[in-house]
Amino acid sequence: MNMQALNDYLLDAYDEPQEQEREQFKIENDDMANWAIRKIAKARREFAEAEQQAERETERIDAWLAGKRKEWERAEEFFTGLLTAYYLPQHMEDPQRKTFKLPAGAFQVRAQQPEYQRDDAALVQWLESHVMPDYLEVVKKPKWGELKKIIETKGGVATVAGEVVGGIMVVPRGLKFTVATEEV
């Protein structure tokens, strides 16, 4: 008998078990509900432990990476200083030459824009005193925390003193269930 015939014979002889419908587990009393809450508390503890372990590993990896970053920064600073000392005289002889190409890469010399250190409060005062409003930015936004205190919701509409407030859409939400667990 060849393999295919054997396989067919075995498939014919084997009756696949019929899937039985299983009834969904239901909580039927306070003891079962208490058991479910304990299971939730256990899952939360296990997750918190996993989270702490991950945090410790992350801290260890971050410390290792910070050490590598310091090594890289020192090496780059050191060799950039050596390259600058080597190429600066060549750039001074020919200021138009800004790139020095080599097989491993290039060394570039570029003039930088100045850095501006600002005191925004003093700058705003100066702009206001010189009547230059085009260079001032005014940001307007609602004080939502205060406004929300006086809003009333009637029929899915936000109102203040009976008047419909534009720009607010009231979206009803369903019930929210939370589980508070005791530390076991």
C-alpha atoms as a PDB file:
ATOM      1  CA  MET A   1       0.000   0.000   0.000  1.00  0.00           C
ATOM      2  CA  ASN A   2       1.476   3.387  -0.975  1.00  0.00           C
ATOM      3  CA  MET A   3       1.533   6.437   1.318  1.00  0.00           C
ATOM      4  CA  GLN A   4      -1.418   8.167  -0.338  1.00  0.00           C
ATOM      5  CA  ALA A   5      -3.613   5.077  -0.061  1.00  0.00           C
ATOM      6  CA  LEU A   6      -2.609   4.621   3.575  1.00  0.00           C
ATOM      7  CA  ASN A   7      -3.390   8.279   4.302  1.00  0.00           C
ATOM      8  CA  ASP A   8      -6.815   7.975   2.618  1.00  0.00           C
ATOM      9  CA  TYR A   9      -7.572   4.760   4.560  1.00  0.00           C
ATOM     10  CA  LEU A  10      -6.667   6.387   7.891  1.00  0.00           C
ATOM     11  CA  LEU A  11      -8.732   9.484   7.128  1.00  0.00           C
ATOM     12  CA  ASP A  12     -11.757   7.308   6.304  1.00  0.00           C
ATOM     13  CA  ALA A  13     -11.323   5.258   9.474  1.00  0.00           C
ATOM     14  CA  TYR A  14     -10.888   8.264  11.747  1.00  0.00           C
ATOM     15  CA  ASP A  15     -14.012  10.084  12.855  1.00  0.00           C
ATOM     16  CA  GLU A  16     -13.336  13.702  13.734  1.00  0.00           C
ATOM     17  CA  PRO A  17     -14.779  14.618  17.079  1.00  0.00           C
ATOM     18  CA  GLN A  18     -17.760  16.902  16.828  1.00  0.00           C
ATOM     19  CA  GLU A  19     -17.235  20.291  18.440  1.00  0.00           C
ATOM     20  CA  GLN A  20     -19.446  20.613  21.427  1.00  0.00           C
ATOM     21  CA  GLU A  21     -20.961  23.950  22.179  1.00  0.00           C
ATOM     22  CA  ARG A  22     -19.589  25.138  25.451  1.00  0.00           C
ATOM     23  CA  GLU A  23     -21.608  27.387  27.629  1.00  0.00           C
ATOM     24  CA  GLN A  24     -20.043  30.784  28.300  1.00  0.00           C
ATOM     25  CA  PHE A  25     -18.752  31.143  31.862  1.00  0.00           C
ATOM     26  CA  LYS A  26     -20.972  33.433  33.922  1.00  0.00           C
ATOM     27  CA  ILE A  27     -20.609  34.931  37.345  1.00  0.00           C
ATOM     28  CA  GLU A  28     -23.593  33.765  39.323  1.00  0.00           C
ATOM     29  CA  ASN A  29     -22.945  34.836  42.918  1.00  0.00           C
ATOM     30  CA  ASP A  30     -20.857  37.121  45.123  1.00  0.00           C
ATOM     31  CA  ASP A  31     -18.228  34.425  45.744  1.00  0.00           C
ATOM     32  CA  MET A  32     -17.639  34.088  42.002  1.00  0.00           C
ATOM     33  CA  ALA A  33     -17.558  37.897  41.626  1.00  0.00           C
ATOM     34  CA  ASN A  34     -15.018  38.119  44.463  1.00  0.00           C
ATOM     35  CA  TRP A  35     -12.913  35.427  42.740  1.00  0.00           C
ATOM     36  CA  ALA A  36     -12.987  37.484  39.478  1.00  0.00           C
ATOM     37  CA  ILE A  37     -11.870  40.621  41.328  1.00  0.00           C
ATOM     38  CA  ARG A  38      -8.993  38.646  42.914  1.00  0.00           C
ATOM     39  CA  LYS A  39      -7.992  37.461  39.412  1.00  0.00           C
ATOM     40  CA  ILE A  40      -7.982  41.080  38.188  1.00  0.00           C
ATOM     41  CA  ALA A  41      -5.872  42.142  41.210  1.00  0.00           C
ATOM     42  CA  LYS A  42      -3.402  39.324  40.504  1.00  0.00           C
ATOM     43  CA  ALA A  43      -3.155  40.311  36.825  1.00  0.00           C
ATOM     44  CA  ARG A  44      -2.544  43.947  37.825  1.00  0.00           C
ATOM     45  CA  ARG A  45       0.223  42.898  40.267  1.00  0.00           C
ATOM     46  CA  GLU A  46       1.878  40.711  37.650  1.00  0.00           C
ATOM     47  CA  PHE A  47       1.765  43.527  35.129  1.00  0.00           C
ATOM     48  CA  ALA A  48       3.184  46.014  37.675  1.00  0.00           C
ATOM     49  CA  GLU A  49       6.044  43.601  38.405  1.00  0.00           C
ATOM     50  CA  ALA A  50       6.722  43.170  34.680  1.00  0.00           C
ATOM     51  CA  GLU A  51       6.600  46.931  34.236  1.00  0.00           C
ATOM     52  CA  GLN A  52       9.137  47.430  37.068  1.00  0.00           C
ATOM     53  CA  GLN A  53      11.418  44.800  35.601  1.00  0.00           C
ATOM     54  CA  ALA A  54      11.207  46.437  32.177  1.00  0.00           C
ATOM     55  CA  GLU A  55      11.959  49.814  33.770  1.00  0.00           C
ATOM     56  CA  ARG A  56      15.072  48.402  35.502  1.00  0.00           C
ATOM     57  CA  GLU A  57      16.257  46.909  32.220  1.00  0.00           C
ATOM     58  CA  THR A  58      15.549  50.175  30.406  1.00  0.00           C
ATOM     59  CA  GLU A  59      17.565  52.101  33.006  1.00  0.00           C
ATOM     60  CA  ARG A  60      20.450  49.651  32.661  1.00  0.00           C
ATOM     61  CA  ILE A  61      20.406  49.913  28.852  1.00  0.00           C
ATOM     62  CA  ASP A  62      20.068  53.719  29.002  1.00  0.00           C
ATOM     63  CA  ALA A  63      23.106  53.913  31.323  1.00  0.00           C
ATOM     64  CA  TRP A  64      25.095  51.693  28.952  1.00  0.00           C
ATOM     65  CA  LEU A  65      24.045  53.813  25.966  1.00  0.00           C
ATOM     66  CA  ALA A  66      24.905  57.057  27.806  1.00  0.00           C
ATOM     67  CA  GLY A  67      28.420  55.686  28.378  1.00  0.00           C
ATOM     68  CA  LYS A  68      28.725  54.822  24.689  1.00  0.00           C
ATOM     69  CA  ARG A  69      27.449  58.310  23.782  1.00  0.00           C
ATOM     70  CA  LYS A  70      30.162  59.914  25.954  1.00  0.00           C
ATOM     71  CA  GLU A  71      32.828  57.755  24.295  1.00  0.00           C
ATOM     72  CA  TRP A  72      31.536  58.711  20.852  1.00  0.00           C
ATOM     73  CA  GLU A  73      31.347  62.424  21.734  1.00  0.00           C
ATOM     74  CA  ARG A  74      34.905  62.425  23.125  1.00  0.00           C
ATOM     75  CA  ALA A  75      36.250  60.617  20.061  1.00  0.00           C
ATOM     76  CA  GLU A  76      34.396  62.895  17.648  1.00  0.00           C
ATOM     77  CA  GLU A  77      35.475  66.031  19.500  1.00  0.00           C
ATOM     78  CA  PHE A  78      39.108  64.869  19.650  1.00  0.00           C
ATOM     79  CA  PHE A  79      39.393  63.913  15.976  1.00  0.00           C
ATOM     80  CA  THR A  80      37.404  66.942  14.789  1.00  0.00           C
ATOM     81  CA  GLY A  81      39.910  69.109  16.681  1.00  0.00           C
ATOM     82  CA  LEU A  82      42.809  67.362  14.941  1.00  0.00           C
ATOM     83  CA  LEU A  83      41.151  67.744  11.520  1.00  0.00           C
ATOM     84  CA  THR A  84      40.397  71.416  12.202  1.00  0.00           C
ATOM     85  CA  ALA A  85      44.044  72.095  13.096  1.00  0.00           C
ATOM     86  CA  TYR A  86      45.109  70.329   9.901  1.00  0.00           C
ATOM     87  CA  TYR A  87      42.609  71.906   7.456  1.00  0.00           C
ATOM     88  CA  LEU A  88      42.237  75.433   8.888  1.00  0.00           C
ATOM     89  CA  PRO A  89      45.548  76.684   7.396  1.00  0.00           C
ATOM     90  CA  GLN A  90      44.542  75.235   4.002  1.00  0.00           C
ATOM     91  CA  HIS A  91      41.165  76.968   4.197  1.00  0.00           C
ATOM     92  CA  MET A  92      42.850  80.255   5.163  1.00  0.00           C
ATOM     93  CA  GLU A  93      45.059  80.013   2.062  1.00  0.00           C
ATOM     94  CA  ASP A  94      42.029  79.347  -0.172  1.00  0.00           C
ATOM     95  CA  PRO A  95      38.813  80.605   1.561  1.00  0.00           C
ATOM     96  CA  GLN A  96      36.724  79.502  -1.450  1.00  0.00           C
ATOM     97  CA  ARG A  97      37.579  75.871  -0.735  1.00  0.00           C
ATOM     98  CA  LYS A  98      35.034  74.765   1.841  1.00  0.00           C
ATOM     99  CA  THR A  99      35.104  70.976   1.407  1.00  0.00           C
ATOM    100  CA  PHE A 100      38.097  68.678   1.689  1.00  0.00           C
ATOM    101  CA  LYS A 101      37.178  65.247   0.257  1.00  0.00           C
ATOM    102  CA  LEU A 102      38.935  62.044   1.233  1.00  0.00           C
ATOM    103  CA  PRO A 103      38.143  58.366   0.598  1.00  0.00           C
ATOM    104  CA  ALA A 104      36.550  57.914   4.066  1.00  0.00           C
ATOM    105  CA  GLY A 105      34.468  61.091   3.942  1.00  0.00           C
ATOM    106  CA  ALA A 106      34.796  64.859   3.805  1.00  0.00           C
ATOM    107  CA  PHE A 107      35.737  67.710   6.122  1.00  0.00           C
ATOM    108  CA  GLN A 108      33.681  70.857   5.612  1.00  0.00           C
ATOM    109  CA  VAL A 109      34.189  74.433   6.723  1.00  0.00           C
ATOM    110  CA  ARG A 110      31.080  76.631   6.840  1.00  0.00           C
ATOM    111  CA  ALA A 111      30.309  80.066   8.265  1.00  0.00           C
ATOM    112  CA  GLN A 112      27.452  79.935  10.767  1.00  0.00           C
ATOM    113  CA  GLN A 113      24.572  82.307  11.345  1.00  0.00           C
ATOM    114  CA  PRO A 114      24.798  84.141  14.666  1.00  0.00           C
ATOM    115  CA  GLU A 115      22.950  82.748  17.670  1.00  0.00           C
ATOM    116  CA  TYR A 116      20.304  85.008  19.193  1.00  0.00           C
ATOM    117  CA  GLN A 117      19.723  84.817  22.918  1.00  0.00           C
ATOM    118  CA  ARG A 118      16.356  86.417  23.593  1.00  0.00           C
ATOM    119  CA  ASP A 119      14.444  87.732  26.540  1.00  0.00           C
ATOM    120  CA  ASP A 120      10.916  87.403  25.143  1.00  0.00           C
ATOM    121  CA  ALA A 121       9.338  89.690  27.755  1.00  0.00           C
ATOM    122  CA  ALA A 122      11.787  92.509  26.987  1.00  0.00           C
ATOM    123  CA  LEU A 123      11.412  91.904  23.252  1.00  0.00           C
ATOM    124  CA  VAL A 124       7.594  92.110  23.463  1.00  0.00           C
ATOM    125  CA  GLN A 125       7.886  95.345  25.432  1.00  0.00           C
ATOM    126  CA  TRP A 126      10.250  96.796  22.803  1.00  0.00           C
ATOM    127  CA  LEU A 127       7.956  95.785  19.922  1.00  0.00           C
ATOM    128  CA  GLU A 128       4.939  97.319  21.676  1.00  0.00           C
ATOM    129  CA  SER A 129       6.783 100.579  22.410  1.00  0.00           C
ATOM    130  CA  HIS A 130       7.894 100.814  18.770  1.00  0.00           C
ATOM    131  CA  VAL A 131       4.380 100.032  17.501  1.00  0.00           C
ATOM    132  CA  MET A 132       5.321  96.871  15.596  1.00  0.00           C
ATOM    133  CA  PRO A 133       2.232  94.662  16.124  1.00  0.00           C
ATOM    134  CA  ASP A 134       2.976  92.624  12.961  1.00  0.00           C
ATOM    135  CA  TYR A 135       5.847  90.996  14.872  1.00  0.00           C
ATOM    136  CA  LEU A 136       3.732  90.037  17.888  1.00  0.00           C
ATOM    137  CA  GLU A 137       1.813  86.797  18.147  1.00  0.00           C
ATOM    138  CA  VAL A 138      -1.479  86.766  20.017  1.00  0.00           C
ATOM    139  CA  VAL A 139      -2.887  83.391  20.959  1.00  0.00           C
ATOM    140  CA  LYS A 140      -6.569  83.189  21.895  1.00  0.00           C
ATOM    141  CA  LYS A 141      -8.124  80.020  23.205  1.00  0.00           C
ATOM    142  CA  PRO A 142     -11.070  79.247  25.438  1.00  0.00           C
ATOM    143  CA  LYS A 143     -10.602  78.815  29.189  1.00  0.00           C
ATOM    144  CA  TRP A 144     -12.274  75.415  29.013  1.00  0.00           C
ATOM    145  CA  GLY A 145     -11.982  74.575  32.707  1.00  0.00           C
ATOM    146  CA  GLU A 146     -13.859  77.742  33.702  1.00  0.00           C
ATOM    147  CA  LEU A 147     -16.368  77.613  30.840  1.00  0.00           C
ATOM    148  CA  LYS A 148     -17.245  73.964  31.538  1.00  0.00           C
ATOM    149  CA  LYS A 149     -18.391  74.937  35.050  1.00  0.00           C
ATOM    150  CA  ILE A 150     -21.209  77.130  33.678  1.00  0.00           C
ATOM    151  CA  ILE A 151     -22.277  74.920  30.769  1.00  0.00           C
ATOM    152  CA  GLU A 152     -25.537  73.032  31.081  1.00  0.00           C
ATOM    153  CA  THR A 153     -26.407  70.077  28.863  1.00  0.00           C
ATOM    154  CA  LYS A 154     -30.020  69.790  27.774  1.00  0.00           C
ATOM    155  CA  GLY A 155     -31.157  67.387  25.089  1.00  0.00           C
ATOM    156  CA  GLY A 156     -27.605  66.767  23.857  1.00  0.00           C
ATOM    157  CA  VAL A 157     -26.923  70.504  23.421  1.00  0.00           C
ATOM    158  CA  ALA A 158     -24.521  72.704  25.428  1.00  0.00           C
ATOM    159  CA  THR A 159     -26.091  75.892  26.745  1.00  0.00           C
ATOM    160  CA  VAL A 160     -25.100  78.850  28.879  1.00  0.00           C
ATOM    161  CA  ALA A 161     -27.978  80.768  30.485  1.00  0.00           C
ATOM    162  CA  GLY A 162     -30.353  78.996  28.098  1.00  0.00           C
ATOM    163  CA  GLU A 163     -28.441  80.004  24.960  1.00  0.00           C
ATOM    164  CA  VAL A 164     -26.859  77.330  22.722  1.00  0.00           C
ATOM    165  CA  VAL A 165     -23.063  77.528  22.750  1.00  0.00           C
ATOM    166  CA  GLY A 166     -21.479  77.285  19.298  1.00  0.00           C
ATOM    167  CA  GLY A 167     -18.414  75.145  18.811  1.00  0.00           C
ATOM    168  CA  ILE A 168     -19.386  72.451  21.300  1.00  0.00           C
ATOM    169  CA  MET A 169     -20.857  69.107  20.375  1.00  0.00           C
ATOM    170  CA  VAL A 170     -22.126  66.979  23.246  1.00  0.00           C
ATOM    171  CA  VAL A 171     -21.324  63.306  22.694  1.00  0.00           C
ATOM    172  CA  PRO A 172     -23.140  61.004  25.113  1.00  0.00           C
ATOM    173  CA  ARG A 173     -21.102  58.122  26.509  1.00  0.00           C
ATOM    174  CA  GLY A 174     -22.238  54.849  27.980  1.00  0.00           C
ATOM    175  CA  LEU A 175     -21.734  53.554  31.492  1.00  0.00           C
ATOM    176  CA  LYS A 176     -18.193  53.009  32.662  1.00  0.00           C
ATOM    177  CA  PHE A 177     -17.373  50.079  34.888  1.00  0.00           C
ATOM    178  CA  THR A 178     -14.220  50.017  36.995  1.00  0.00           C
ATOM    179  CA  VAL A 179     -12.856  47.422  39.351  1.00  0.00           C
ATOM    180  CA  ALA A 180     -11.273  48.510  42.643  1.00  0.00           C
ATOM    181  CA  THR A 181      -9.147  45.763  44.158  1.00  0.00           C
ATOM    182  CA  GLU A 182      -7.835  45.353  47.658  1.00  0.00           C
ATOM    183  CA  GLU A 183      -4.147  44.518  48.009  1.00  0.00           C
ATOM    184  CA  VAL A 184      -4.030  40.807  48.808  1.00  0.00           C
END
